[in-house]
Amino acid sequence: MRQNLIKLHAASATIALLLISTFFLSSLVSEIIGDKALIITVKTYIFYAIWILLPTMAIAGITGNKLAPNAKSGVIGMKKKRMPFIAANGVLILIPAAIFLKNTAVSGTLDTTFYTVQIIELLAGFINISLMTLNLRDGLSIAKNRKAKLKK
């Protein structure tokens, strides 16, 4: 049972990181290219993909807490300390920004406000990608240590 929980945690966290990274890169590329139709398409797809991202993030958080409910220090403690920042960044900045950017792009209003929010979204996305990558690195080190202990 614990092995399944570990696999579910790893899969959901990886999917979430891949989605956020895809959102970030797609937004960046569409802005660099500057094609209005591409920007609208990217913002629309991100808007719909958020509803896939949210459950994967929730599953990663829930399974992480089930796997180590009392961990406050060490590698797991660091992972748990990052999670409130990742969640707050997503709920307070990334989701509202994605909704705003999609609605604004679809209406054809690619103005200063749109690009200001776009910059904020890219910065917040970069922060989440960085924090989630650190969590992935730490998760891999935990798995490596667990395998080394099993071999002994």
C-alpha atoms as a PDB file:
ATOM      1  CA  MET A   1       0.000   0.000   0.000  1.00  0.00           C
ATOM      2  CA  ARG A   2       2.788   2.455   0.924  1.00  0.00           C
ATOM      3  CA  GLN A   3       4.563   1.706  -2.387  1.00  0.00           C
ATOM      4  CA  ASN A   4       1.406   2.666  -4.292  1.00  0.00           C
ATOM      5  CA  LEU A   5       1.144   5.901  -2.320  1.00  0.00           C
ATOM      6  CA  ILE A   6       4.768   6.709  -3.124  1.00  0.00           C
ATOM      7  CA  LYS A   7       4.163   6.042  -6.833  1.00  0.00           C
ATOM      8  CA  LEU A   8       0.996   8.160  -6.835  1.00  0.00           C
ATOM      9  CA  HIS A   9       2.842  10.989  -5.079  1.00  0.00           C
ATOM     10  CA  ALA A  10       5.745  10.867  -7.516  1.00  0.00           C
ATOM     11  CA  ALA A  11       3.494  10.667 -10.578  1.00  0.00           C
ATOM     12  CA  SER A  12       1.182  13.501  -9.543  1.00  0.00           C
ATOM     13  CA  ALA A  13       4.059  15.782  -8.541  1.00  0.00           C
ATOM     14  CA  THR A  14       5.879  15.069 -11.810  1.00  0.00           C
ATOM     15  CA  ILE A  15       2.765  15.723 -13.890  1.00  0.00           C
ATOM     16  CA  ALA A  16       2.185  18.996 -12.031  1.00  0.00           C
ATOM     17  CA  LEU A  17       5.776  20.115 -12.634  1.00  0.00           C
ATOM     18  CA  LEU A  18       5.561  19.182 -16.315  1.00  0.00           C
ATOM     19  CA  LEU A  19       2.285  21.070 -16.727  1.00  0.00           C
ATOM     20  CA  ILE A  20       3.590  24.227 -15.062  1.00  0.00           C
ATOM     21  CA  SER A  21       6.794  24.040 -17.093  1.00  0.00           C
ATOM     22  CA  THR A  22       4.742  23.613 -20.275  1.00  0.00           C
ATOM     23  CA  PHE A  23       2.577  26.614 -19.354  1.00  0.00           C
ATOM     24  CA  PHE A  24       5.692  28.694 -18.719  1.00  0.00           C
ATOM     25  CA  LEU A  25       7.490  27.730 -21.930  1.00  0.00           C
ATOM     26  CA  SER A  26       4.362  28.031 -24.079  1.00  0.00           C
ATOM     27  CA  SER A  27       3.653  31.511 -22.718  1.00  0.00           C
ATOM     28  CA  LEU A  28       7.239  32.602 -23.201  1.00  0.00           C
ATOM     29  CA  VAL A  29       7.446  31.273 -26.765  1.00  0.00           C
ATOM     30  CA  SER A  30       4.082  32.769 -27.771  1.00  0.00           C
ATOM     31  CA  GLU A  31       5.128  36.159 -26.401  1.00  0.00           C
ATOM     32  CA  ILE A  32       8.499  36.049 -28.139  1.00  0.00           C
ATOM     33  CA  ILE A  33       6.872  35.110 -31.451  1.00  0.00           C
ATOM     34  CA  GLY A  34       4.250  37.774 -30.823  1.00  0.00           C
ATOM     35  CA  ASP A  35       1.545  36.205 -32.983  1.00  0.00           C
ATOM     36  CA  LYS A  36      -1.812  37.269 -31.517  1.00  0.00           C
ATOM     37  CA  ALA A  37      -3.580  34.065 -32.591  1.00  0.00           C
ATOM     38  CA  LEU A  38      -0.878  31.941 -30.954  1.00  0.00           C
ATOM     39  CA  ILE A  39      -1.084  33.959 -27.724  1.00  0.00           C
ATOM     40  CA  ILE A  40      -4.872  33.477 -27.636  1.00  0.00           C
ATOM     41  CA  THR A  41      -4.482  29.740 -28.275  1.00  0.00           C
ATOM     42  CA  VAL A  42      -1.828  29.305 -25.584  1.00  0.00           C
ATOM     43  CA  LYS A  43      -3.808  31.293 -22.992  1.00  0.00           C
ATOM     44  CA  THR A  44      -6.954  29.311 -23.789  1.00  0.00           C
ATOM     45  CA  TYR A  45      -5.204  25.940 -23.480  1.00  0.00           C
ATOM     46  CA  ILE A  46      -3.554  26.979 -20.211  1.00  0.00           C
ATOM     47  CA  PHE A  47      -6.943  28.040 -18.853  1.00  0.00           C
ATOM     48  CA  TYR A  48      -8.411  24.600 -19.545  1.00  0.00           C
ATOM     49  CA  ALA A  49      -5.310  22.695 -18.419  1.00  0.00           C
ATOM     50  CA  ILE A  50      -5.430  24.391 -15.009  1.00  0.00           C
ATOM     51  CA  TRP A  51      -8.323  22.088 -14.192  1.00  0.00           C
ATOM     52  CA  ILE A  52      -5.982  19.134 -14.726  1.00  0.00           C
ATOM     53  CA  LEU A  53      -3.188  20.793 -12.761  1.00  0.00           C
ATOM     54  CA  LEU A  54      -5.270  21.489  -9.653  1.00  0.00           C
ATOM     55  CA  PRO A  55      -6.103  17.862  -8.837  1.00  0.00           C
ATOM     56  CA  THR A  56      -2.527  16.735  -9.545  1.00  0.00           C
ATOM     57  CA  MET A  57      -1.208  19.354  -7.116  1.00  0.00           C
ATOM     58  CA  ALA A  58      -3.812  18.343  -4.529  1.00  0.00           C
ATOM     59  CA  ILE A  59      -2.946  14.660  -4.914  1.00  0.00           C
ATOM     60  CA  ALA A  60       0.773  15.421  -4.559  1.00  0.00           C
ATOM     61  CA  GLY A  61       0.135  17.432  -1.394  1.00  0.00           C
ATOM     62  CA  ILE A  62      -2.233  14.931   0.179  1.00  0.00           C
ATOM     63  CA  THR A  63      -0.063  11.914  -0.575  1.00  0.00           C
ATOM     64  CA  GLY A  64       3.050  13.748   0.622  1.00  0.00           C
ATOM     65  CA  ASN A  65       1.365  14.507   3.940  1.00  0.00           C
ATOM     66  CA  LYS A  66       0.164  10.902   4.266  1.00  0.00           C
ATOM     67  CA  LEU A  67       3.662   9.580   3.608  1.00  0.00           C
ATOM     68  CA  ALA A  68       5.316  11.821   6.211  1.00  0.00           C
ATOM     69  CA  PRO A  69       2.670  13.424   8.436  1.00  0.00           C
ATOM     70  CA  ASN A  70       5.024  14.381  11.264  1.00  0.00           C
ATOM     71  CA  ALA A  71       8.193  15.307   9.364  1.00  0.00           C
ATOM     72  CA  LYS A  72       9.391  18.778  10.292  1.00  0.00           C
ATOM     73  CA  SER A  73      13.095  18.618   9.535  1.00  0.00           C
ATOM     74  CA  GLY A  74      15.533  17.094   7.114  1.00  0.00           C
ATOM     75  CA  VAL A  75      14.862  16.655   3.420  1.00  0.00           C
ATOM     76  CA  ILE A  76      11.169  15.911   3.897  1.00  0.00           C
ATOM     77  CA  GLY A  77      10.828  18.903   6.216  1.00  0.00           C
ATOM     78  CA  MET A  78      12.293  21.144   3.515  1.00  0.00           C
ATOM     79  CA  LYS A  79       9.861  19.749   0.941  1.00  0.00           C
ATOM     80  CA  LYS A  80       6.965  20.430   3.301  1.00  0.00           C
ATOM     81  CA  LYS A  81       8.173  23.983   3.985  1.00  0.00           C
ATOM     82  CA  ARG A  82       8.175  24.787   0.253  1.00  0.00           C
ATOM     83  CA  MET A  83       4.642  23.552  -0.329  1.00  0.00           C
ATOM     84  CA  PRO A  84       2.749  26.478   1.273  1.00  0.00           C
ATOM     85  CA  PHE A  85       4.671  28.898  -0.972  1.00  0.00           C
ATOM     86  CA  ILE A  86       3.967  26.791  -4.048  1.00  0.00           C
ATOM     87  CA  ALA A  87       0.266  26.528  -3.175  1.00  0.00           C
ATOM     88  CA  ALA A  88      -0.141  30.217  -2.298  1.00  0.00           C
ATOM     89  CA  ASN A  89       1.677  31.258  -5.460  1.00  0.00           C
ATOM     90  CA  GLY A  90      -0.626  29.059  -7.513  1.00  0.00           C
ATOM     91  CA  VAL A  91      -3.894  30.036  -5.856  1.00  0.00           C
ATOM     92  CA  LEU A  92      -3.202  33.739  -5.352  1.00  0.00           C
ATOM     93  CA  ILE A  93      -1.217  34.570  -8.490  1.00  0.00           C
ATOM     94  CA  LEU A  94      -1.054  31.878 -11.162  1.00  0.00           C
ATOM     95  CA  ILE A  95      -4.701  30.805 -11.362  1.00  0.00           C
ATOM     96  CA  PRO A  96      -6.168  34.331 -11.296  1.00  0.00           C
ATOM     97  CA  ALA A  97      -3.529  35.470 -13.801  1.00  0.00           C
ATOM     98  CA  ALA A  98      -4.304  32.569 -16.145  1.00  0.00           C
ATOM     99  CA  ILE A  99      -8.022  33.348 -16.032  1.00  0.00           C
ATOM    100  CA  PHE A 100      -7.428  37.063 -16.584  1.00  0.00           C
ATOM    101  CA  LEU A 101      -4.940  36.493 -19.404  1.00  0.00           C
ATOM    102  CA  LYS A 102      -7.212  34.040 -21.203  1.00  0.00           C
ATOM    103  CA  ASN A 103     -10.223  36.367 -20.982  1.00  0.00           C
ATOM    104  CA  THR A 104      -8.181  39.401 -21.984  1.00  0.00           C
ATOM    105  CA  ALA A 105      -6.492  37.605 -24.889  1.00  0.00           C
ATOM    106  CA  VAL A 106      -9.775  36.221 -26.205  1.00  0.00           C
ATOM    107  CA  SER A 107     -11.278  39.737 -26.103  1.00  0.00           C
ATOM    108  CA  GLY A 108      -8.303  40.931 -28.163  1.00  0.00           C
ATOM    109  CA  THR A 109      -7.010  43.354 -25.546  1.00  0.00           C
ATOM    110  CA  LEU A 110      -3.266  42.731 -25.556  1.00  0.00           C
ATOM    111  CA  ASP A 111      -2.396  45.978 -23.814  1.00  0.00           C
ATOM    112  CA  THR A 112      -0.071  47.144 -21.036  1.00  0.00           C
ATOM    113  CA  THR A 113      -2.233  45.513 -18.354  1.00  0.00           C
ATOM    114  CA  PHE A 114      -2.154  42.193 -20.206  1.00  0.00           C
ATOM    115  CA  TYR A 115       1.641  42.265 -20.487  1.00  0.00           C
ATOM    116  CA  THR A 116       2.092  43.401 -16.878  1.00  0.00           C
ATOM    117  CA  VAL A 117       0.020  40.446 -15.660  1.00  0.00           C
ATOM    118  CA  GLN A 118       1.885  38.213 -18.129  1.00  0.00           C
ATOM    119  CA  ILE A 119       5.224  39.231 -16.599  1.00  0.00           C
ATOM    120  CA  ILE A 120       3.888  38.611 -13.088  1.00  0.00           C
ATOM    121  CA  GLU A 121       2.589  35.206 -14.188  1.00  0.00           C
ATOM    122  CA  LEU A 122       5.945  34.278 -15.738  1.00  0.00           C
ATOM    123  CA  LEU A 123       7.821  35.305 -12.568  1.00  0.00           C
ATOM    124  CA  ALA A 124       5.425  33.391 -10.329  1.00  0.00           C
ATOM    125  CA  GLY A 125       5.603  30.400 -12.673  1.00  0.00           C
ATOM    126  CA  PHE A 126       9.394  30.465 -12.610  1.00  0.00           C
ATOM    127  CA  ILE A 127       9.342  30.523  -8.804  1.00  0.00           C
ATOM    128  CA  ASN A 128       6.987  27.533  -8.686  1.00  0.00           C
ATOM    129  CA  ILE A 129       9.038  25.617 -11.243  1.00  0.00           C
ATOM    130  CA  SER A 130      12.164  26.282  -9.171  1.00  0.00           C
ATOM    131  CA  LEU A 131      10.565  25.219  -5.874  1.00  0.00           C
ATOM    132  CA  MET A 132       8.937  22.149  -7.407  1.00  0.00           C
ATOM    133  CA  THR A 133      12.231  21.166  -9.044  1.00  0.00           C
ATOM    134  CA  LEU A 134      13.897  21.350  -5.627  1.00  0.00           C
ATOM    135  CA  ASN A 135      11.143  19.100  -4.271  1.00  0.00           C
ATOM    136  CA  LEU A 136      11.679  16.667  -7.153  1.00  0.00           C
ATOM    137  CA  ARG A 137      15.420  16.624  -6.472  1.00  0.00           C
ATOM    138  CA  ASP A 138      14.777  15.957  -2.788  1.00  0.00           C
ATOM    139  CA  GLY A 139      12.224  13.257  -3.586  1.00  0.00           C
ATOM    140  CA  LEU A 140      14.720  11.506  -5.829  1.00  0.00           C
ATOM    141  CA  SER A 141      17.356  11.637  -3.085  1.00  0.00           C
ATOM    142  CA  ILE A 142      14.869  10.108  -0.623  1.00  0.00           C
ATOM    143  CA  ALA A 143      14.113   7.318  -3.102  1.00  0.00           C
ATOM    144  CA  LYS A 144      17.826   6.713  -3.698  1.00  0.00           C
ATOM    145  CA  ASN A 145      18.497   6.492   0.048  1.00  0.00           C
ATOM    146  CA  ARG A 146      15.530   4.153   0.536  1.00  0.00           C
ATOM    147  CA  LYS A 147      16.815   1.827  -2.205  1.00  0.00           C
ATOM    148  CA  ALA A 148      20.318   1.869  -0.715  1.00  0.00           C
ATOM    149  CA  LYS A 149      18.894   0.856   2.693  1.00  0.00           C
ATOM    150  CA  LEU A 150      16.900  -1.984   1.127  1.00  0.00           C
ATOM    151  CA  LYS A 151      20.058  -3.379  -0.516  1.00  0.00           C
ATOM    152  CA  LYS A 152      21.848  -3.633   2.832  1.00  0.00           C
END
